[in-house]
Amino acid sequence: MNIDIKRVKISVTVPGENVEELRNAICDEGAGIIGNYSYCTISTKCIGTFKPNDSANPYIGKNNVLEFVEEEKLEAVCDIHIAKKVITKIREVHPYEEPAISVIPLIEEEDL
């Protein structure tokens, strides 16, 4: 089977108050297009954990203290050729200095 990856799913966790701004930013860059629809995203409420070290400048929490934060995981698909541009936009808009970003390659239905 020869699979050519054309699209990816990008997911990132973000505080709830920042979801709409981030959604608009990535969709303005071209993420979230499925067929004749744009701004296609999904968000799931979740609890994120992290412990900033002495060198960190945390948006939420204190250095060397384990934090539990209500967040949303925002997900959208995009063409592989704009994935880096979308990730760059996430880093520009996201309030965290180290956002947790995942990029998952997608297999097109016709390749199955």
Protein backbone atom coordinates (compact mmCIF):
# COMPACT_ATOMS: atom_id res chain seq x y z
CA MET A 1 0.00 0.00 0.00
CA ASN A 2 1.39 3.39 -1.01
CA ILE A 3 0.01 6.19 1.17
CA ASP A 4 0.61 9.84 0.37
CA ILE A 5 -0.11 11.99 3.43
CA LYS A 6 -2.03 15.05 2.25
CA ARG A 7 -3.72 16.18 5.46
CA VAL A 8 -2.98 16.24 9.18
CA LYS A 9 -4.99 16.79 12.34
CA ILE A 10 -3.49 19.37 14.66
CA SER A 11 -4.53 19.43 18.30
CA VAL A 12 -3.55 21.75 21.11
CA THR A 13 -4.74 22.30 24.66
CA VAL A 14 -5.62 25.84 25.65
CA PRO A 15 -7.39 27.61 28.53
CA GLY A 16 -11.13 27.91 27.87
CA GLU A 17 -11.04 31.71 27.72
CA ASN A 18 -8.58 31.52 24.78
CA VAL A 19 -10.33 28.88 22.64
CA GLU A 20 -12.29 31.24 20.39
CA GLU A 21 -9.28 33.45 19.62
CA LEU A 22 -7.13 30.42 18.82
CA ARG A 23 -9.88 28.81 16.70
CA ASN A 24 -10.25 31.97 14.64
CA ALA A 25 -6.49 32.33 14.24
CA ILE A 26 -5.87 28.80 12.92
CA CYS A 27 -8.94 28.82 10.70
CA ASP A 28 -7.90 32.18 9.26
CA GLU A 29 -4.63 30.42 8.30
CA GLY A 30 -6.58 27.74 6.39
CA ALA A 31 -7.10 25.00 8.98
CA GLY A 32 -10.55 23.52 9.53
CA ILE A 33 -11.66 23.09 5.91
CA ILE A 34 -13.63 19.93 5.19
CA GLY A 35 -15.18 19.86 1.74
CA ASN A 36 -17.47 22.87 1.37
CA TYR A 37 -17.24 23.78 5.07
CA SER A 38 -14.75 26.03 6.84
CA TYR A 39 -13.99 26.67 10.53
CA CYS A 40 -14.55 22.94 11.23
CA THR A 41 -13.05 22.27 14.66
CA ILE A 42 -13.82 20.27 17.74
CA SER A 43 -13.01 21.12 21.32
CA THR A 44 -13.12 18.82 24.31
CA LYS A 45 -12.94 19.93 27.93
CA CYS A 46 -10.03 18.37 29.78
CA ILE A 47 -7.73 18.78 32.76
CA GLY A 48 -4.12 19.62 31.97
CA THR A 49 -1.24 19.19 34.39
CA PHE A 50 2.21 20.75 34.41
CA LYS A 51 4.97 21.78 36.79
CA PRO A 52 7.00 24.81 35.66
CA ASN A 53 10.70 24.65 36.55
CA ASP A 54 12.80 27.56 37.82
CA SER A 55 13.49 28.81 34.27
CA ALA A 56 9.82 28.88 33.22
CA ASN A 57 7.61 31.95 32.99
CA PRO A 58 4.18 30.34 33.50
CA TYR A 59 0.99 31.97 32.24
CA ILE A 60 -0.87 30.08 34.97
CA GLY A 61 0.55 28.76 38.23
CA LYS A 62 3.81 29.01 40.10
CA ASN A 63 7.29 27.62 39.49
CA ASN A 64 7.95 24.18 40.96
CA VAL A 65 4.29 23.61 41.86
CA LEU A 66 2.22 20.94 40.10
CA GLU A 67 -0.79 22.64 38.52
CA PHE A 68 -4.15 21.18 37.47
CA VAL A 69 -5.89 23.43 34.94
CA GLU A 70 -9.25 23.19 33.20
CA GLU A 71 -8.47 23.45 29.50
CA GLU A 72 -9.97 22.56 26.14
CA LYS A 73 -8.31 20.44 23.51
CA LEU A 74 -8.88 22.19 20.17
CA GLU A 75 -8.54 20.05 17.04
CA ALA A 76 -8.69 20.86 13.34
CA VAL A 77 -7.56 19.26 10.10
CA CYS A 78 -5.46 21.01 7.49
CA ASP A 79 -3.53 20.33 4.30
CA ILE A 80 0.02 19.21 5.01
CA HIS A 81 1.50 22.09 2.98
CA ILE A 82 0.07 24.68 5.44
CA ALA A 83 0.61 22.69 8.66
CA LYS A 84 3.80 24.57 9.62
CA LYS A 85 2.04 27.92 9.05
CA VAL A 86 -0.85 26.81 11.30
CA ILE A 87 1.56 25.65 14.03
CA THR A 88 3.43 28.96 13.82
CA LYS A 89 0.13 30.79 14.28
CA ILE A 90 -0.71 28.63 17.31
CA ARG A 91 2.60 29.61 18.90
CA GLU A 92 1.96 33.30 18.16
CA VAL A 93 -1.56 33.38 19.64
CA HIS A 94 -1.39 30.77 22.43
CA PRO A 95 -0.93 32.23 25.93
CA TYR A 96 1.44 29.46 27.10
CA GLU A 97 5.14 29.73 26.42
CA GLU A 98 5.16 25.96 25.63
CA PRO A 99 1.81 24.90 24.12
CA ALA A 100 1.21 21.13 23.88
CA ILE A 101 0.77 20.64 20.12
CA SER A 102 0.18 17.28 18.42
CA VAL A 103 0.29 16.67 14.66
CA ILE A 104 -1.30 13.45 13.44
CA PRO A 105 -0.99 12.33 9.78
CA LEU A 106 -4.33 11.37 8.24
CA ILE A 107 -4.99 8.61 5.72
CA GLU A 108 -7.43 9.58 2.98
CA GLU A 109 -10.42 7.29 2.52
CA GLU A 110 -9.44 6.53 -1.08
CA ASP A 111 -6.07 5.19 0.16
CA LEU A 112 -7.74 2.45 2.23
